[in-house]
Protein backbone atom coordinates (compact mmCIF):
# COMPACT_ATOMS: atom_id res chain seq x y z
CA MET A 1 -18.81 -2.81 15.76
CA ALA A 2 -18.46 -5.41 12.93
CA LEU A 3 -20.71 -5.11 9.99
CA LEU A 4 -21.32 -8.20 7.80
CA TRP A 5 -22.36 -7.05 4.30
CA ALA A 6 -24.78 -10.02 3.87
CA GLY A 7 -25.84 -8.76 0.63
CA PHE A 8 -22.67 -10.00 -0.91
CA MET A 9 -22.45 -13.46 0.84
CA GLY A 10 -24.80 -15.30 -1.51
CA VAL A 11 -23.39 -14.12 -4.73
CA CYS A 12 -21.88 -16.82 -6.91
CA SER A 13 -22.30 -19.28 -4.08
CA ALA A 14 -22.40 -22.02 -6.56
CA GLU A 15 -19.09 -20.94 -7.88
CA SER A 16 -17.30 -21.64 -4.57
CA LYS A 17 -18.96 -24.99 -4.29
CA ASN A 18 -17.85 -25.99 -7.90
CA PRO A 19 -14.25 -24.52 -8.28
CA ASP A 20 -12.50 -24.57 -11.54
CA ASN A 21 -9.51 -26.15 -9.89
CA GLU A 22 -10.08 -28.29 -6.83
CA ASN A 23 -7.30 -27.41 -4.44
CA THR A 24 -8.02 -28.72 -0.91
CA GLN A 25 -4.32 -29.21 -0.15
CA ALA A 26 -3.45 -25.66 -1.21
CA LYS A 27 -1.73 -23.17 0.92
CA ASN A 28 -3.81 -20.67 2.76
CA VAL A 29 -3.16 -17.04 1.82
CA LEU A 30 -2.97 -14.08 4.28
CA PHE A 31 -3.01 -10.89 2.30
CA ILE A 32 -2.38 -7.90 4.47
CA VAL A 33 -2.74 -4.40 2.81
CA VAL A 34 -2.17 -1.25 4.77
CA ASP A 35 -3.45 2.16 3.93
CA ASP A 36 -0.88 4.94 3.30
CA LEU A 37 2.08 2.98 4.76
CA ASN A 38 5.41 4.04 3.60
CA PRO A 39 8.61 2.27 4.52
CA THR A 40 8.65 3.96 8.03
CA LEU A 41 9.29 0.67 9.65
CA GLY A 42 12.05 -0.82 11.83
CA THR A 43 12.86 -3.51 9.26
CA TYR A 44 13.27 -0.89 6.61
CA GLY A 45 15.85 0.93 8.84
CA HIS A 46 13.81 3.73 10.47
CA PRO A 47 15.43 4.62 13.65
CA THR A 48 12.39 5.76 15.69
CA VAL A 49 9.31 3.83 14.67
CA LEU A 50 8.55 0.62 16.73
CA THR A 51 7.22 -2.19 14.57
CA PRO A 52 8.33 -5.33 16.16
CA ASN A 53 5.75 -7.62 14.63
CA ILE A 54 6.33 -6.49 11.02
CA ASP A 55 10.12 -6.74 11.74
CA LYS A 56 9.49 -10.35 12.84
CA LEU A 57 7.57 -11.06 9.64
CA ALA A 58 10.34 -9.76 7.53
CA ARG A 59 12.80 -12.15 9.17
CA GLN A 60 10.54 -15.04 8.10
CA GLY A 61 10.54 -14.23 4.44
CA VAL A 62 11.63 -11.79 1.72
CA GLN A 63 11.70 -8.10 2.13
CA PHE A 64 11.42 -5.92 -0.99
CA ASN A 65 13.39 -2.69 -0.60
CA ARG A 66 12.20 -1.42 -4.13
CA ALA A 67 8.59 -2.21 -4.55
CA TYR A 68 6.68 0.51 -6.21
CA SER A 69 2.88 1.40 -6.54
CA ASN A 70 1.84 2.32 -10.07
CA PHE A 71 -0.32 5.23 -8.66
CA ALA A 72 0.06 6.85 -5.22
CA LEU A 73 -3.58 6.86 -4.37
CA CYS A 74 -5.76 4.47 -2.68
CA ASN A 75 -8.48 3.67 -5.34
CA PRO A 76 -6.15 3.60 -8.45
CA SER A 77 -3.55 1.55 -6.71
CA ARG A 78 -5.74 -1.06 -5.03
CA SER A 79 -8.04 -1.39 -8.19
CA SER A 80 -4.97 -1.85 -10.25
CA PHE A 81 -3.02 -4.52 -8.33
CA LEU A 82 -6.21 -6.42 -7.33
CA SER A 83 -7.35 -6.47 -10.97
CA GLY A 84 -4.06 -6.98 -12.61
CA LEU A 85 -4.61 -3.93 -14.88
CA MET A 86 -2.78 -0.74 -15.03
CA PRO A 87 -4.62 2.32 -13.79
CA GLU A 88 -4.82 3.74 -17.33
CA THR A 89 -6.17 0.46 -18.81
CA LEU A 90 -8.74 0.07 -16.04
CA GLY A 91 -9.65 3.77 -16.40
CA ILE A 92 -9.33 4.40 -12.62
CA THR A 93 -7.10 7.48 -12.05
CA GLU A 94 -8.76 9.07 -9.04
CA ASN A 95 -10.86 7.98 -6.05
CA LYS A 96 -14.34 8.49 -7.44
CA THR A 97 -14.57 6.09 -10.39
CA SER A 98 -15.78 2.80 -9.26
CA LEU A 99 -14.39 -0.64 -10.04
CA GLN A 100 -17.67 -1.97 -11.13
CA SER A 101 -17.88 0.67 -13.78
CA THR A 102 -14.66 -0.43 -15.37
CA ILE A 103 -13.93 -4.04 -14.47
CA ALA A 104 -16.07 -5.49 -17.36
CA GLY A 105 -16.40 -8.92 -15.87
CA ARG A 106 -12.63 -9.63 -15.62
CA THR A 107 -11.54 -11.84 -12.80
CA THR A 108 -10.01 -10.02 -9.92
CA LEU A 109 -7.35 -11.59 -7.58
CA PRO A 110 -9.65 -12.62 -4.78
CA HIS A 111 -12.15 -13.77 -7.34
CA LEU A 112 -9.56 -16.12 -8.67
CA PHE A 113 -9.01 -17.67 -5.40
CA ARG A 114 -12.86 -18.16 -4.94
CA LYS A 115 -12.89 -19.89 -8.41
CA ASN A 116 -10.21 -22.25 -7.20
CA GLY A 117 -12.20 -23.44 -4.15
CA TYR A 118 -10.96 -21.09 -1.50
CA TYR A 119 -13.02 -19.51 1.26
CA THR A 120 -12.50 -15.78 0.68
CA ALA A 121 -13.11 -13.04 3.22
CA SER A 122 -12.64 -9.26 3.05
CA LEU A 123 -11.89 -7.40 6.37
CA GLY A 124 -11.72 -3.70 6.60
CA LYS A 125 -10.41 -1.79 3.54
CA VAL A 126 -9.19 -4.09 0.85
CA PHE A 127 -10.69 -2.60 -2.36
CA HIS A 128 -11.15 1.14 -2.11
CA GLY A 129 -14.68 0.66 -0.55
CA ARG A 130 -17.69 -1.58 -0.40
CA GLN A 131 -20.54 -1.99 -2.96
CA GLU A 132 -19.61 -0.28 -6.34
CA HIS A 133 -15.94 0.01 -5.40
CA ASN A 134 -15.64 -3.62 -4.55
CA ASP A 135 -15.99 -7.01 -6.49
CA PRO A 136 -18.98 -8.96 -5.09
CA ASN A 137 -17.95 -12.05 -7.05
CA ALA A 138 -14.72 -12.23 -5.14
CA TRP A 139 -15.87 -12.90 -1.60
CA ASP A 140 -17.84 -15.26 0.49
CA ASP A 141 -17.95 -12.73 3.25
CA ILE A 142 -17.26 -8.93 3.59
CA PHE A 143 -16.84 -7.31 6.99
CA GLY A 144 -16.78 -3.69 7.72
CA PHE A 145 -16.01 -1.95 11.22
CA SER A 146 -16.51 1.23 13.16
CA ALA A 147 -15.15 2.77 16.15
CA THR A 148 -17.00 2.51 19.52
CA ALA A 149 -18.31 5.73 21.26
CA LEU A 150 -15.30 5.51 23.58
CA GLY A 151 -12.80 5.24 20.70
CA LYS A 152 -14.23 8.58 19.33
CA LYS A 153 -13.14 10.59 22.41
CA GLY A 154 -9.72 11.67 23.47
CA GLU A 155 -7.21 14.52 23.31
CA GLU A 156 -7.18 15.75 19.66
CA ARG A 157 -6.12 18.52 17.30
CA ASN A 158 -6.34 19.71 13.68
CA LEU A 159 -2.95 20.71 12.75
CA THR A 160 -4.26 23.25 10.07
CA ASP A 161 -6.95 24.89 12.30
CA GLY A 162 -9.55 23.24 10.05
CA ALA A 163 -8.23 24.29 6.67
CA LEU A 164 -7.51 20.58 5.88
CA LYS A 165 -10.26 18.51 7.76
CA TRP A 166 -8.30 15.30 7.32
CA CYS A 167 -5.16 16.66 8.85
CA HIS A 168 -6.19 15.73 12.44
CA TRP A 169 -4.90 13.49 15.09
CA ARG A 170 -6.69 11.98 18.21
CA ALA A 171 -5.02 10.16 21.13
CA ALA A 172 -8.18 8.15 21.75
CA GLU A 173 -9.53 6.74 24.88
CA GLY A 174 -10.18 3.02 25.14
CA ASP A 175 -8.12 0.20 23.93
CA ASP A 176 -7.33 -1.46 20.48
CA MET A 177 -10.92 -2.94 20.17
CA ASP A 178 -12.32 0.43 20.33
CA GLN A 179 -10.97 1.18 16.90
CA PRO A 180 -11.91 -0.43 13.62
CA ASP A 181 -8.42 -1.81 13.00
CA GLY A 182 -8.47 -3.62 16.40
CA GLN A 183 -11.76 -5.21 15.32
CA VAL A 184 -10.38 -6.16 12.01
CA ALA A 185 -7.59 -8.01 13.69
CA GLN A 186 -10.00 -9.76 16.06
CA LYS A 187 -12.32 -10.88 13.19
CA ALA A 188 -9.14 -12.29 11.31
CA ILE A 189 -8.34 -14.25 14.38
CA GLU A 190 -11.80 -15.65 14.57
CA ILE A 191 -11.65 -16.78 10.77
CA ILE A 192 -8.23 -18.33 11.23
CA LYS A 193 -9.33 -20.36 14.18
CA GLU A 194 -12.56 -21.65 12.41
CA LYS A 195 -12.33 -25.24 11.14
CA ARG A 196 -13.09 -25.70 7.43
CA ASP A 197 -12.26 -28.08 4.58
CA GLN A 198 -11.46 -25.10 2.28
CA PRO A 199 -8.10 -23.23 2.32
CA PHE A 200 -8.69 -19.53 2.88
CA PHE A 201 -7.75 -16.33 1.13
CA LEU A 202 -8.05 -13.87 3.89
CA ALA A 203 -7.66 -10.29 2.91
CA VAL A 204 -7.00 -8.03 5.99
CA GLY A 205 -7.08 -4.31 5.23
CA PHE A 206 -5.73 -2.08 8.11
CA HIS A 207 -6.64 1.66 7.69
CA LYS A 208 -3.93 3.26 9.84
CA PRO A 209 -1.71 5.08 9.42
CA HIS A 210 -4.23 6.70 7.00
CA ASP A 211 -5.70 10.14 8.07
CA PRO A 212 -7.24 11.07 10.37
CA PHE A 213 -4.44 9.93 12.63
CA ILE A 214 -6.47 8.12 15.41
CA ALA A 215 -4.94 5.54 17.75
CA PRO A 216 -5.31 4.57 21.36
CA LYS A 217 -3.43 7.04 23.51
CA LYS A 218 -0.88 4.50 24.65
CA TYR A 219 0.69 4.54 21.17
CA PHE A 220 1.06 8.28 21.23
CA ASP A 221 2.72 8.00 24.50
CA MET A 222 5.53 5.86 22.91
CA TYR A 223 6.67 8.93 20.90
CA PRO A 224 7.92 12.09 22.76
CA LEU A 225 7.84 15.01 20.41
CA VAL A 226 11.60 15.47 20.99
CA ASN A 227 12.15 12.06 19.23
CA CYS A 228 10.08 13.03 16.13
CA VAL A 229 12.49 14.95 14.06
CA PRO A 230 11.20 16.47 10.67
CA PRO A 231 13.39 15.99 7.54
CA SER A 232 15.52 18.88 6.46
CA VAL A 233 14.81 20.39 2.98
CA PRO A 234 17.73 21.97 1.08
CA ASP A 235 17.87 25.75 1.37
CA ASN A 236 18.06 26.21 -2.42
CA TRP A 237 15.31 23.84 -3.17
CA GLY A 238 12.18 24.93 -4.98
CA LEU A 239 9.19 23.04 -6.46
CA PRO A 240 9.77 22.59 -10.13
CA TYR A 241 6.14 23.03 -11.07
CA SER A 242 3.03 23.85 -9.03
CA HIS A 243 1.66 20.44 -10.20
CA SER A 244 4.74 18.59 -9.22
CA LEU A 245 2.95 17.60 -6.08
CA ASP A 246 -0.87 17.64 -6.25
CA GLY A 247 -1.38 20.92 -8.00
CA LEU A 248 -3.54 22.45 -5.22
CA VAL A 249 -1.70 25.51 -4.28
CA ALA A 250 -3.96 25.96 -1.19
CA LYS A 251 -2.80 22.68 0.20
CA SER A 252 0.85 23.60 -0.33
CA GLU A 253 0.39 26.93 1.29
CA VAL A 254 -1.13 25.20 4.35
CA PHE A 255 1.91 22.94 4.73
CA ASP A 256 4.25 25.78 4.25
CA LYS A 257 2.78 27.42 7.45
CA PHE A 258 3.56 24.29 9.59
CA THR A 259 5.59 25.17 12.63
CA ASP A 260 8.23 22.98 14.01
CA GLN A 261 5.47 21.83 16.57
CA ASP A 262 2.99 21.06 13.87
CA LYS A 263 5.60 18.79 12.00
CA ARG A 264 6.51 16.95 15.12
CA GLU A 265 2.89 16.25 16.04
CA PHE A 266 2.19 15.10 12.42
CA LEU A 267 5.20 12.64 12.68
CA ARG A 268 4.08 11.42 16.25
CA SER A 269 0.64 10.85 14.93
CA TYR A 270 1.80 8.77 11.93
CA TYR A 271 4.30 6.84 14.09
CA ALA A 272 1.59 6.14 16.62
CA CYS A 273 -0.83 4.80 14.06
CA THR A 274 1.87 2.75 12.52
CA THR A 275 2.74 1.08 15.79
CA PHE A 276 -0.93 0.59 16.54
CA MET A 277 -1.25 -1.13 13.13
CA ASP A 278 1.81 -3.28 13.87
CA ALA A 279 0.21 -4.55 17.06
CA GLN A 280 -2.74 -5.74 15.21
CA VAL A 281 -0.54 -7.43 12.55
CA GLY A 282 1.09 -9.16 15.50
CA LYS A 283 -2.20 -10.61 16.79
CA VAL A 284 -3.08 -12.04 13.44
CA LEU A 285 0.41 -13.60 13.00
CA SER A 286 0.17 -15.06 16.44
CA ALA A 287 -3.17 -16.66 15.75
CA LEU A 288 -1.58 -18.43 12.61
CA GLU A 289 1.17 -19.77 14.83
CA GLU A 290 -1.23 -20.88 17.54
CA GLU A 291 -3.27 -22.83 14.98
CA GLY A 292 -0.17 -24.44 13.44
CA LEU A 293 -1.05 -22.72 10.08
CA GLN A 294 2.07 -20.65 9.62
CA GLU A 295 4.02 -23.08 7.58
CA ASN A 296 1.05 -23.64 5.24
CA THR A 297 0.19 -20.01 4.74
CA LEU A 298 1.48 -17.71 2.12
CA ILE A 299 1.65 -14.29 3.63
CA ILE A 300 1.70 -11.00 1.65
CA PHE A 301 2.16 -7.79 3.47
CA LEU A 302 2.32 -4.28 1.73
CA GLY A 303 1.40 -0.71 1.90
CA ASP A 304 -0.84 0.43 -0.95
CA HIS A 305 1.49 3.23 -1.95
CA GLY A 306 4.02 5.64 -0.45
CA TYR A 307 3.63 8.71 1.65
CA HIS A 308 5.58 11.97 2.17
CA LEU A 309 6.54 12.81 5.76
CA GLY A 310 7.97 16.32 5.18
CA GLU A 311 10.20 15.55 2.19
CA HIS A 312 9.67 18.28 -0.44
CA GLN A 313 7.72 20.15 2.34
CA TRP A 314 4.83 17.69 1.58
CA TRP A 315 2.73 15.96 4.12
CA ASN A 316 0.60 13.77 1.76
CA LYS A 317 0.58 11.36 -1.07
CA VAL A 318 -0.13 11.46 -4.82
CA SER A 319 3.31 12.20 -5.93
CA LEU A 320 5.70 10.70 -8.62
CA TYR A 321 8.72 11.04 -6.29
CA GLU A 322 10.39 8.18 -4.37
CA GLN A 323 8.37 8.83 -1.27
CA GLY A 324 5.16 8.73 -3.13
CA GLN A 325 5.67 5.52 -5.07
CA ASN A 326 7.89 3.27 -2.88
CA ALA A 327 6.02 1.16 -0.40
CA PRO A 328 6.77 -1.83 1.79
CA LEU A 329 6.37 -5.32 0.57
CA ILE A 330 7.09 -8.53 2.42
CA VAL A 331 6.36 -12.05 1.18
CA VAL A 332 6.57 -15.16 3.37
CA ASP A 333 6.23 -18.43 1.55
CA GLY A 334 7.67 -20.99 3.96
CA ASN A 335 10.92 -21.41 2.05
CA GLU A 336 13.74 -21.94 4.54
CA ASN A 337 16.29 -20.75 2.08
CA ASN A 338 14.94 -17.20 1.84
CA LYS A 339 14.14 -16.39 5.41
CA GLY A 340 15.18 -12.92 6.54
CA LEU A 341 16.61 -12.02 3.05
CA LYS A 342 16.21 -8.47 1.56
CA THR A 343 16.18 -7.80 -2.09
CA ASN A 344 16.87 -4.84 -4.23
CA ALA A 345 15.09 -6.15 -7.29
CA MET A 346 12.76 -3.64 -8.50
CA VAL A 347 8.98 -4.70 -8.80
CA GLU A 348 5.70 -2.99 -9.54
CA PHE A 349 2.47 -3.65 -7.68
CA ILE A 350 0.92 -4.53 -10.99
CA ASP A 351 3.14 -7.68 -10.72
CA LEU A 352 1.50 -8.81 -7.51
CA TYR A 353 -1.52 -10.61 -9.07
CA PRO A 354 0.47 -12.91 -11.43
CA THR A 355 3.11 -13.57 -8.73
CA ILE A 356 0.63 -14.71 -6.15
CA ALA A 357 -1.31 -16.79 -8.72
CA ASP A 358 2.07 -18.29 -9.70
CA LEU A 359 3.05 -19.04 -6.23
CA CYS A 360 -0.26 -20.91 -5.82
CA GLN A 361 0.22 -22.80 -9.01
CA PHE A 362 -3.11 -21.97 -10.46
CA GLY A 363 -3.82 -23.30 -13.86
CA ASN A 364 -6.62 -20.89 -14.80
CA ILE A 365 -4.74 -17.43 -14.46
CA PRO A 366 -6.64 -14.90 -16.50
CA ASP A 367 -4.89 -13.67 -19.70
CA HIS A 368 -5.70 -9.92 -19.08
CA LEU A 369 -2.84 -9.58 -16.48
CA GLU A 370 -0.45 -6.71 -17.42
CA GLY A 371 2.18 -7.51 -14.81
CA GLN A 372 4.79 -10.29 -14.62
CA SER A 373 5.44 -12.87 -11.94
CA PHE A 374 8.54 -12.26 -9.77
CA LYS A 375 8.29 -15.77 -8.08
CA TYR A 376 11.85 -16.49 -9.05
CA VAL A 377 12.98 -13.40 -7.07
CA ILE A 378 11.22 -14.76 -3.96
CA GLU A 379 12.98 -18.12 -4.54
CA ASN A 380 16.42 -16.28 -5.05
CA PRO A 381 16.32 -12.75 -3.75
CA LEU A 382 19.68 -11.89 -5.25
CA ARG A 383 18.27 -12.03 -8.79
CA SER A 384 17.14 -8.78 -10.45
CA PHE A 385 13.73 -8.31 -11.98
CA ARG A 386 12.59 -5.11 -13.70
CA ASP A 387 15.10 -2.66 -15.23
CA ASN A 388 12.68 0.13 -14.55
CA VAL A 389 9.45 0.97 -12.75
CA TYR A 390 6.53 3.08 -13.92
CA GLY A 391 3.91 5.15 -12.26
CA ILE A 392 1.35 7.92 -12.86
CA VAL A 393 -0.79 10.49 -11.25
CA ARG A 394 -3.57 12.71 -12.36
CA ARG A 395 -3.56 16.60 -12.16
CA GLY A 396 -6.85 17.76 -13.17
CA ASN A 397 -7.29 17.04 -16.96
CA PHE A 398 -3.77 15.79 -17.51
CA LEU A 399 -1.43 12.97 -16.32
CA GLY A 400 2.02 12.96 -14.92
CA LYS A 401 4.20 9.85 -15.72
CA SER A 402 7.35 8.58 -14.11
CA ILE A 403 9.94 6.06 -15.10
CA LYS A 404 12.75 5.01 -12.59
CA THR A 405 16.02 3.01 -13.30
CA ASP A 406 18.79 2.21 -11.02
CA ASP A 407 20.46 5.55 -11.96
CA TRP A 408 17.72 8.01 -12.88
CA ARG A 409 14.09 9.10 -12.40
CA TYR A 410 12.40 10.88 -15.18
CA ILE A 411 8.99 12.61 -14.88
CA GLU A 412 6.93 13.92 -17.70
CA TRP A 413 3.80 16.17 -17.38
CA ASP A 414 1.02 16.04 -19.92
CA ASN A 415 3.37 14.29 -22.35
CA GLY A 416 5.94 17.02 -21.89
CA ASN A 417 3.58 19.98 -22.57
CA MET A 418 3.68 20.82 -18.78
CA GLY A 419 7.30 20.07 -18.15
CA TYR A 420 10.00 17.49 -17.37
CA GLU A 421 11.91 16.49 -14.31
CA LEU A 422 15.07 14.42 -14.09
CA TYR A 423 16.98 13.21 -10.96
CA ASN A 424 20.13 11.36 -10.25
CA GLU A 425 19.22 8.43 -7.87
CA HIS A 426 22.71 8.05 -6.72
CA THR A 427 23.63 11.62 -5.75
CA ASP A 428 20.15 12.77 -5.02
CA PRO A 429 17.99 9.78 -3.89
CA ILE A 430 15.22 12.03 -2.40
CA GLU A 431 15.01 14.01 -5.69
CA TYR A 432 15.51 17.55 -4.91
CA GLN A 433 17.66 18.69 -7.79
CA ASN A 434 15.84 18.79 -11.16
CA LEU A 435 18.52 18.24 -13.98
CA ALA A 436 15.98 18.33 -16.82
CA ASN A 437 16.99 21.85 -17.87
CA ASN A 438 20.70 21.21 -17.78
CA ASN A 439 22.15 20.60 -21.20
CA LYS A 440 24.83 18.29 -19.69
CA TYR A 441 21.96 15.63 -19.27
CA GLU A 442 20.32 16.04 -22.72
CA ASN A 443 21.24 12.53 -23.80
CA VAL A 444 20.01 11.09 -20.35
CA LEU A 445 16.75 12.97 -20.76
CA LYS A 446 16.29 11.49 -24.28
CA MET A 447 17.14 7.91 -23.05
CA MET A 448 14.65 8.21 -20.22
CA LYS A 449 11.95 9.58 -22.39
CA ALA A 450 12.38 6.70 -24.76
CA LEU A 451 11.98 4.28 -21.90
CA LEU A 452 8.83 6.06 -20.79
CA ASP A 453 7.44 5.96 -24.28
CA GLN A 454 7.85 2.17 -24.33
CA ARG A 455 5.61 1.76 -21.31
């Protein structure tokens, strides 16, 4: 059932009628953000997961192989890339702190579009939530959705016998429209088909594959357990520090008890939810084509951060490793010369706001933005961008920080008081062998620390 958050609709209505930059010939923008989506997609080379619609989207634009979230958790990541401020600057380093308590009147990305005369709509999960976690100045309409009674039924299981309530899957009864993401897609289609004089900024937030892992049963049926193969972890591997993952020993102990069956069911659930989400993406993209809007619509598709699927014996997020930070990003701008190209240029999600504003040629871009536009990489995907990428996580009362270059990843806990980690990105891309205590790499450690200190 769709819920229109009418309380937001009238906010700043005069602003949308009197835009800073009248731009009726501007491109539409379709901004698709997916919760907890790592590069487990066909176009990123995954051998099992079926994502034909996202794969098709990648063939129409530029796929970023090395795009990195600045914080591998929903609220810090989304608040950051939608505000243009780093998580530390914004003061959001966990899921509880609200955007409204920290934004201090600064213009968010969707608000900038509204200022420039766009119709703006938020569907599903775009910011971390509604009300205090959202930006009421940004939207003409905000829509929320919920599962039907039928969609809440089906075969299900908690993989931890209830120890972790979120670690739960359901092969649900009903069809796509019995789930919130199916309703999100349908509402997006309705908005695309509406006739209006304004261009639109349509933010479509799909919740799956975020836990609990719920999708219609037909998507689970696509993945026999025999095809869901957990990753192998080196026999001699051990976690460098208890806080190298999330610092919750109880959670690590639960994951350590996973049987092979548990691991395969977890993968099947994540894969099923990913394919379910992909089907919804396909419906929205088909509506653009049917309305003849595809050529005049800038499409941004991303996961809000990475996610571990058994690497480091971890089945979650909030890590500073490659699996935690790296997320899919696809940009389609209608340029015939970059269709289907893949770039290895390193970008951070803090760069999204200035890039999108640059692509739309806005003249009123706020001066608070802390990222950089990578528009020229979209125009020429063979070009490089950042020499390093940066991310943080919180562990109780201290932070962990990471800097990654082409060759190395360096992690520092509580400014070094709680330890260091160093990984060779060529010989150890999944980052199992910590070299920080090896005297052979003392100079590398100093070099990477200096890079981190510059951020």
